[in-house]
N, C-alpha and C. Protein backbone atom coordinates (compact mmCIF):
# COMPACT_ATOMS: atom_id res chain seq x y z
N MET A 1 -10.94 -5.11 120.93
CA MET A 1 -11.58 -5.18 121.88
C MET A 1 -13.45 -5.57 121.70
N THR A 2 -13.71 -6.70 121.89
CA THR A 2 -15.09 -7.01 121.68
C THR A 2 -15.91 -7.31 123.03
N TYR A 3 -17.12 -6.52 123.22
CA TYR A 3 -17.99 -6.60 124.28
C TYR A 3 -19.12 -7.55 124.23
N ILE A 4 -19.44 -8.25 125.21
CA ILE A 4 -20.26 -8.84 125.18
C ILE A 4 -21.16 -8.80 126.34
N SER A 5 -22.37 -8.70 126.43
CA SER A 5 -23.15 -7.99 127.47
C SER A 5 -24.63 -7.87 127.19
N ASP A 6 -25.15 -8.32 128.46
CA ASP A 6 -26.56 -8.45 128.23
C ASP A 6 -27.21 -7.07 128.51
N SER A 7 -26.52 -5.90 128.79
CA SER A 7 -27.18 -4.65 128.88
C SER A 7 -26.15 -3.63 128.15
N ARG A 8 -26.16 -2.55 128.44
CA ARG A 8 -25.33 -1.61 127.69
C ARG A 8 -23.84 -1.70 127.62
N ALA A 9 -23.24 -1.53 126.53
CA ALA A 9 -21.79 -1.88 126.61
C ALA A 9 -21.18 -0.65 125.68
N PRO A 10 -19.98 -0.19 125.73
CA PRO A 10 -19.39 0.68 124.74
C PRO A 10 -19.12 0.18 123.69
N ARG A 11 -18.73 0.98 122.41
CA ARG A 11 -18.35 0.17 121.11
C ARG A 11 -17.03 -0.67 121.15
N ASP A 12 -17.16 -1.58 120.45
CA ASP A 12 -15.94 -2.46 120.11
C ASP A 12 -14.90 -1.67 119.61
N PHE A 13 -13.59 -1.83 119.73
CA PHE A 13 -12.62 -1.12 119.29
C PHE A 13 -11.38 -1.91 119.38
N LYS A 14 -10.22 -1.28 118.31
CA LYS A 14 -8.90 -1.98 118.38
C LYS A 14 -8.08 -1.04 118.81
N GLY A 15 -6.72 -1.63 119.50
CA GLY A 15 -5.85 -0.96 120.35
C GLY A 15 -4.60 -1.37 119.92
N PRO A 16 -3.50 -0.68 120.47
CA PRO A 16 -2.03 -0.87 120.09
C PRO A 16 -1.75 -2.20 120.32
N GLY A 17 -2.00 -2.48 121.79
CA GLY A 17 -1.50 -3.59 122.22
C GLY A 17 -2.52 -4.18 123.79
N LEU A 18 -2.20 -5.17 123.92
CA LEU A 18 -3.25 -5.62 125.09
C LEU A 18 -3.50 -5.07 126.31
N SER A 19 -2.09 -4.54 126.57
CA SER A 19 -2.28 -3.56 127.84
C SER A 19 -3.25 -2.46 127.80
N ASP A 20 -2.94 -1.79 126.57
CA ASP A 20 -3.86 -0.66 126.21
C ASP A 20 -5.11 -0.82 126.29
N CYS A 21 -5.49 -1.85 125.41
CA CYS A 21 -6.90 -2.37 125.38
C CYS A 21 -7.38 -2.61 126.83
N VAL A 22 -6.91 -3.32 127.45
CA VAL A 22 -7.58 -3.55 128.89
C VAL A 22 -7.66 -2.03 129.43
N LYS A 23 -6.68 -1.52 129.62
CA LYS A 23 -6.79 -0.26 130.47
C LYS A 23 -8.00 0.86 129.81
N ARG A 24 -8.03 0.53 128.33
CA ARG A 24 -9.59 1.40 127.65
C ARG A 24 -10.77 0.81 128.30
N ALA A 25 -10.76 -0.52 128.05
CA ALA A 25 -11.79 -1.33 128.39
C ALA A 25 -12.29 -0.90 129.75
N SER A 26 -11.42 -0.97 130.75
CA SER A 26 -11.48 -0.64 132.19
C SER A 26 -11.99 0.55 132.51
N ASP A 27 -11.41 1.89 131.89
CA ASP A 27 -11.87 3.15 131.85
C ASP A 27 -13.49 3.07 131.32
N GLU A 28 -13.78 2.53 130.14
CA GLU A 28 -14.83 2.79 129.80
C GLU A 28 -16.13 2.18 130.72
N ILE A 29 -15.92 0.89 130.90
CA ILE A 29 -16.64 0.33 131.86
C ILE A 29 -16.95 1.03 133.31
N ALA A 30 -15.90 1.58 133.70
CA ALA A 30 -15.81 2.11 134.71
C ALA A 30 -16.86 3.45 134.81
N ALA A 31 -16.52 4.27 133.65
CA ALA A 31 -17.49 5.26 133.38
C ALA A 31 -18.72 5.10 133.29
N LEU A 32 -18.92 3.71 132.44
CA LEU A 32 -20.46 3.49 132.03
C LEU A 32 -21.13 3.07 133.26
N TYR A 33 -20.67 2.37 134.35
CA TYR A 33 -21.24 1.96 135.27
C TYR A 33 -21.32 3.15 136.66
N ALA A 34 -20.50 4.02 136.51
CA ALA A 34 -20.13 4.94 137.60
C ALA A 34 -21.61 5.52 138.43
N GLY A 35 -21.73 5.44 139.73
CA GLY A 35 -22.69 5.80 140.21
C GLY A 35 -24.25 5.17 140.18
N THR A 36 -24.06 4.00 139.60
CA THR A 36 -25.01 3.20 139.07
C THR A 36 -25.34 1.92 140.24
N VAL A 37 -26.70 1.64 140.45
CA VAL A 37 -26.70 0.17 141.31
C VAL A 37 -26.07 -0.99 140.70
N ALA A 38 -26.38 -0.89 139.19
CA ALA A 38 -25.93 -1.79 138.53
C ALA A 38 -24.35 -2.38 138.98
N GLY A 39 -23.42 -1.16 138.88
CA GLY A 39 -22.22 -1.17 139.19
C GLY A 39 -21.72 -1.75 140.27
N THR A 40 -22.61 -1.87 141.37
CA THR A 40 -22.29 -2.22 142.73
C THR A 40 -22.21 -4.12 142.46
N HIS A 41 -22.75 -4.52 141.44
CA HIS A 41 -22.73 -5.89 141.21
C HIS A 41 -22.23 -6.48 140.22
N ALA A 42 -21.85 -5.70 139.18
CA ALA A 42 -21.36 -6.13 137.83
C ALA A 42 -19.67 -6.39 137.77
N GLU A 43 -19.62 -7.10 136.91
CA GLU A 43 -18.22 -7.48 136.57
C GLU A 43 -17.67 -7.33 134.98
N LEU A 44 -16.40 -7.11 135.20
CA LEU A 44 -15.99 -7.00 133.86
C LEU A 44 -14.69 -7.75 133.61
N GLN A 45 -15.32 -9.00 132.71
CA GLN A 45 -14.35 -10.21 132.46
C GLN A 45 -13.74 -9.99 131.34
N PHE A 46 -12.48 -10.54 131.37
CA PHE A 46 -11.56 -10.59 130.14
C PHE A 46 -11.44 -11.79 129.80
N ALA A 47 -11.81 -12.32 128.50
CA ALA A 47 -11.12 -13.93 128.11
C ALA A 47 -10.17 -13.50 127.16
N ILE A 48 -9.03 -13.88 127.29
CA ILE A 48 -7.86 -13.48 126.35
C ILE A 48 -7.50 -14.84 125.75
N TYR A 49 -7.50 -14.86 124.48
CA TYR A 49 -7.07 -15.95 123.58
C TYR A 49 -5.72 -15.65 122.63
N PRO A 50 -4.91 -15.42 123.46
CA PRO A 50 -3.63 -14.93 122.56
C PRO A 50 -2.72 -16.14 121.83
N PHE A 51 -3.37 -17.41 121.57
CA PHE A 51 -2.56 -18.26 120.93
C PHE A 51 -3.57 -18.96 119.87
N SER A 52 -4.77 -19.22 120.40
CA SER A 52 -5.66 -19.89 119.68
C SER A 52 -7.11 -19.80 119.97
N GLU A 53 -8.08 -19.97 119.44
CA GLU A 53 -9.35 -19.91 119.80
C GLU A 53 -9.93 -20.83 120.99
N GLY A 54 -9.22 -22.31 120.78
CA GLY A 54 -9.14 -23.16 121.87
C GLY A 54 -8.23 -23.38 122.63
N ALA A 55 -8.74 -23.75 124.15
CA ALA A 55 -8.01 -23.59 125.23
C ALA A 55 -8.03 -25.00 126.08
N SER A 56 -7.16 -25.75 126.28
CA SER A 56 -7.30 -26.81 127.59
C SER A 56 -6.74 -26.23 128.96
N VAL A 57 -6.12 -25.21 128.95
CA VAL A 57 -5.50 -24.76 130.23
C VAL A 57 -6.00 -23.13 130.46
N ILE A 58 -6.82 -22.98 131.31
CA ILE A 58 -7.14 -21.44 131.67
C ILE A 58 -6.46 -21.02 132.81
N LEU A 59 -5.93 -20.07 132.72
CA LEU A 59 -5.17 -19.17 133.56
C LEU A 59 -5.88 -18.02 134.04
N ASP A 60 -5.91 -18.03 135.51
CA ASP A 60 -6.87 -16.87 136.21
C ASP A 60 -5.64 -15.56 136.33
N VAL A 61 -5.94 -14.53 135.72
CA VAL A 61 -4.90 -13.51 135.94
C VAL A 61 -5.38 -12.52 137.04
N THR A 62 -4.41 -11.91 137.82
CA THR A 62 -4.61 -11.19 138.99
C THR A 62 -3.56 -9.96 139.07
N VAL A 63 -4.04 -9.02 139.60
CA VAL A 63 -2.99 -8.00 139.60
C VAL A 63 -1.79 -8.17 141.03
N THR A 64 -0.41 -7.77 140.84
CA THR A 64 0.46 -7.92 141.80
C THR A 64 0.71 -6.52 142.13
N SER A 65 1.67 -6.28 143.06
CA SER A 65 2.40 -5.28 143.36
C SER A 65 3.44 -5.20 142.26
N ASP A 66 3.72 -6.33 141.45
CA ASP A 66 5.00 -6.05 140.77
C ASP A 66 4.19 -6.25 139.09
N GLY A 67 2.98 -6.21 138.91
CA GLY A 67 2.43 -6.11 137.59
C GLY A 67 1.14 -7.30 137.57
N TYR A 68 1.36 -8.44 136.96
CA TYR A 68 0.37 -9.28 136.85
C TYR A 68 0.84 -10.72 137.20
N SER A 69 -0.10 -11.48 137.61
CA SER A 69 0.19 -13.13 137.71
C SER A 69 -0.78 -13.92 137.20
N ALA A 70 -0.43 -15.20 136.71
CA ALA A 70 -1.57 -15.70 136.36
C ALA A 70 -1.24 -17.39 136.42
N SER A 71 -2.43 -17.98 137.33
CA SER A 71 -2.54 -19.18 137.86
C SER A 71 -3.49 -20.13 137.25
N ASP A 72 -3.29 -21.43 136.99
CA ASP A 72 -4.30 -22.04 136.45
C ASP A 72 -5.35 -22.70 137.41
N LEU A 73 -6.66 -22.65 136.74
CA LEU A 73 -7.71 -22.69 137.36
C LEU A 73 -7.97 -24.01 138.23
N LYS A 74 -7.41 -25.00 137.51
CA LYS A 74 -7.41 -26.38 138.04
C LYS A 74 -6.40 -26.65 139.24
N GLY A 75 -5.65 -25.79 139.65
CA GLY A 75 -4.61 -25.89 140.85
C GLY A 75 -3.61 -27.01 140.66
N GLU A 76 -3.09 -26.89 139.43
CA GLU A 76 -2.18 -27.82 138.92
C GLU A 76 -0.81 -27.32 139.39
N GLY A 77 -0.72 -26.27 139.86
CA GLY A 77 0.60 -25.49 140.35
C GLY A 77 1.22 -24.71 139.41
N LEU A 78 0.45 -24.40 138.13
CA LEU A 78 1.09 -23.27 137.07
C LEU A 78 0.70 -22.07 137.54
N ARG A 79 1.84 -21.43 137.62
CA ARG A 79 1.90 -19.96 138.07
C ARG A 79 3.08 -19.11 136.99
N PHE A 80 2.37 -18.02 136.61
CA PHE A 80 3.45 -17.14 135.80
C PHE A 80 3.08 -15.72 136.40
N GLU A 81 4.30 -15.00 136.22
CA GLU A 81 4.19 -13.57 136.34
C GLU A 81 4.98 -12.79 135.36
N GLY A 82 4.53 -11.45 135.16
CA GLY A 82 4.92 -10.68 134.43
C GLY A 82 4.65 -9.00 134.60
N LYS A 83 5.39 -8.25 134.31
CA LYS A 83 5.33 -6.78 134.66
C LYS A 83 4.11 -6.35 134.01
N THR A 84 3.75 -6.50 132.81
CA THR A 84 2.90 -6.37 131.88
C THR A 84 2.35 -7.58 131.35
N LEU A 85 0.95 -7.30 130.84
CA LEU A 85 0.18 -8.38 130.27
C LEU A 85 1.00 -8.97 129.23
N GLU A 86 1.55 -8.27 128.37
CA GLU A 86 2.25 -8.72 127.12
C GLU A 86 3.44 -9.55 127.79
N VAL A 87 4.34 -9.25 128.73
CA VAL A 87 5.25 -10.03 129.07
C VAL A 87 4.62 -11.36 129.79
N LEU A 88 3.62 -11.20 130.59
CA LEU A 88 3.06 -12.43 131.23
C LEU A 88 2.73 -13.36 130.05
N ILE A 89 2.15 -13.05 129.06
CA ILE A 89 1.78 -14.05 128.00
C ILE A 89 3.06 -14.70 127.26
N ASP A 90 3.99 -13.66 127.02
CA ASP A 90 5.32 -14.26 126.52
C ASP A 90 6.04 -15.31 127.35
N ARG A 91 5.84 -15.22 128.92
CA ARG A 91 6.15 -16.12 129.67
C ARG A 91 5.45 -17.64 129.75
N VAL A 92 4.38 -17.48 129.48
CA VAL A 92 3.47 -18.51 129.30
C VAL A 92 3.83 -19.15 128.03
N ARG A 93 3.82 -18.45 126.86
CA ARG A 93 4.40 -18.93 125.52
C ARG A 93 5.61 -19.91 125.62
N ALA A 94 6.52 -19.07 126.56
CA ALA A 94 7.80 -19.82 126.53
C ALA A 94 7.86 -21.18 127.30
N SER A 95 7.17 -21.17 128.19
CA SER A 95 6.83 -22.31 129.14
C SER A 95 6.20 -23.57 128.21
N PHE A 96 5.17 -23.10 127.45
CA PHE A 96 4.46 -24.09 126.85
C PHE A 96 5.47 -24.71 125.68
N ALA A 97 6.49 -23.98 125.09
CA ALA A 97 7.03 -24.55 123.99
C ALA A 97 6.49 -25.09 123.05
N GLY A 98 5.86 -24.21 122.20
CA GLY A 98 4.83 -24.82 120.96
C GLY A 98 3.69 -25.19 121.20
N HIS A 99 3.25 -25.52 122.53
CA HIS A 99 1.96 -25.91 122.72
C HIS A 99 1.20 -25.16 123.40
N ASN A 100 0.94 -23.72 122.65
CA ASN A 100 0.23 -22.80 123.25
C ASN A 100 -1.48 -23.13 123.32
N ASN A 101 -1.99 -23.96 124.16
CA ASN A 101 -3.22 -23.89 124.10
C ASN A 101 -3.82 -23.35 125.58
N ALA A 102 -3.45 -22.12 125.86
CA ALA A 102 -3.79 -21.60 127.02
C ALA A 102 -4.73 -20.46 126.72
N MET A 103 -5.58 -20.00 127.68
CA MET A 103 -6.31 -18.87 127.54
C MET A 103 -5.95 -18.15 128.98
N PHE A 104 -6.44 -17.07 129.00
CA PHE A 104 -6.64 -16.15 130.06
C PHE A 104 -7.51 -15.54 130.49
N ARG A 105 -7.99 -15.69 131.82
CA ARG A 105 -9.54 -15.31 132.32
C ARG A 105 -9.18 -14.29 133.46
N TRP A 106 -10.07 -13.16 133.38
CA TRP A 106 -9.55 -11.79 134.20
C TRP A 106 -10.67 -11.49 134.63
N VAL A 107 -11.33 -11.59 135.97
CA VAL A 107 -12.52 -11.04 136.18
C VAL A 107 -12.42 -9.97 137.39
N ILE A 108 -12.95 -8.70 137.05
CA ILE A 108 -12.61 -7.64 138.14
C ILE A 108 -14.21 -7.17 138.46
N PRO A 109 -14.50 -7.17 139.56
CA PRO A 109 -15.69 -6.74 140.12
C PRO A 109 -15.38 -4.68 139.54
N VAL A 110 -16.77 -4.36 138.94
CA VAL A 110 -16.79 -2.89 138.26
C VAL A 110 -16.63 -1.89 139.69
N SER A 111 -17.02 -2.38 140.73
CA SER A 111 -16.77 -1.51 141.83
C SER A 111 -15.22 -1.38 142.33
N GLN A 112 -14.50 -2.34 141.70
CA GLN A 112 -13.08 -2.02 142.02
C GLN A 112 -12.17 -1.47 140.91
N LEU A 113 -12.86 -0.87 139.71
CA LEU A 113 -12.23 -0.28 138.67
C LEU A 113 -11.97 1.13 139.06
N PRO A 114 -10.85 1.73 138.85
CA PRO A 114 -10.63 3.26 139.38
C PRO A 114 -11.50 4.12 138.14
N LEU A 115 -12.11 5.11 138.95
CA LEU A 115 -12.87 6.11 138.12
C LEU A 115 -11.63 7.26 137.78
N LYS A 116 -11.79 7.73 136.62
CA LYS A 116 -10.86 8.88 136.05
C LYS A 116 -11.30 10.26 136.80
């Protein structure tokens, strides 16, 4: 996990899986901004490139009652679901059948991150 920020940020780290990394990053950012004015306006943005660094399709990730969904930003009707982020990415991989040029974007207002 690599942080890019114009203010303070936690240290970069590596984790065992994508879901674990997202959880840790969310926890660290929530703790960093807890009780601050900046936390009311800040966003945590994930840019996930599981296939390559270039992408012609951008999928917007949201949390659902059953896990996660990803829809294309261009509104072309692409929608994928998965119980975990790993399953979601696997479903996209299977759908694109070897032409994996998608990336995932997930924007979370810091004020919506759960505090431990």
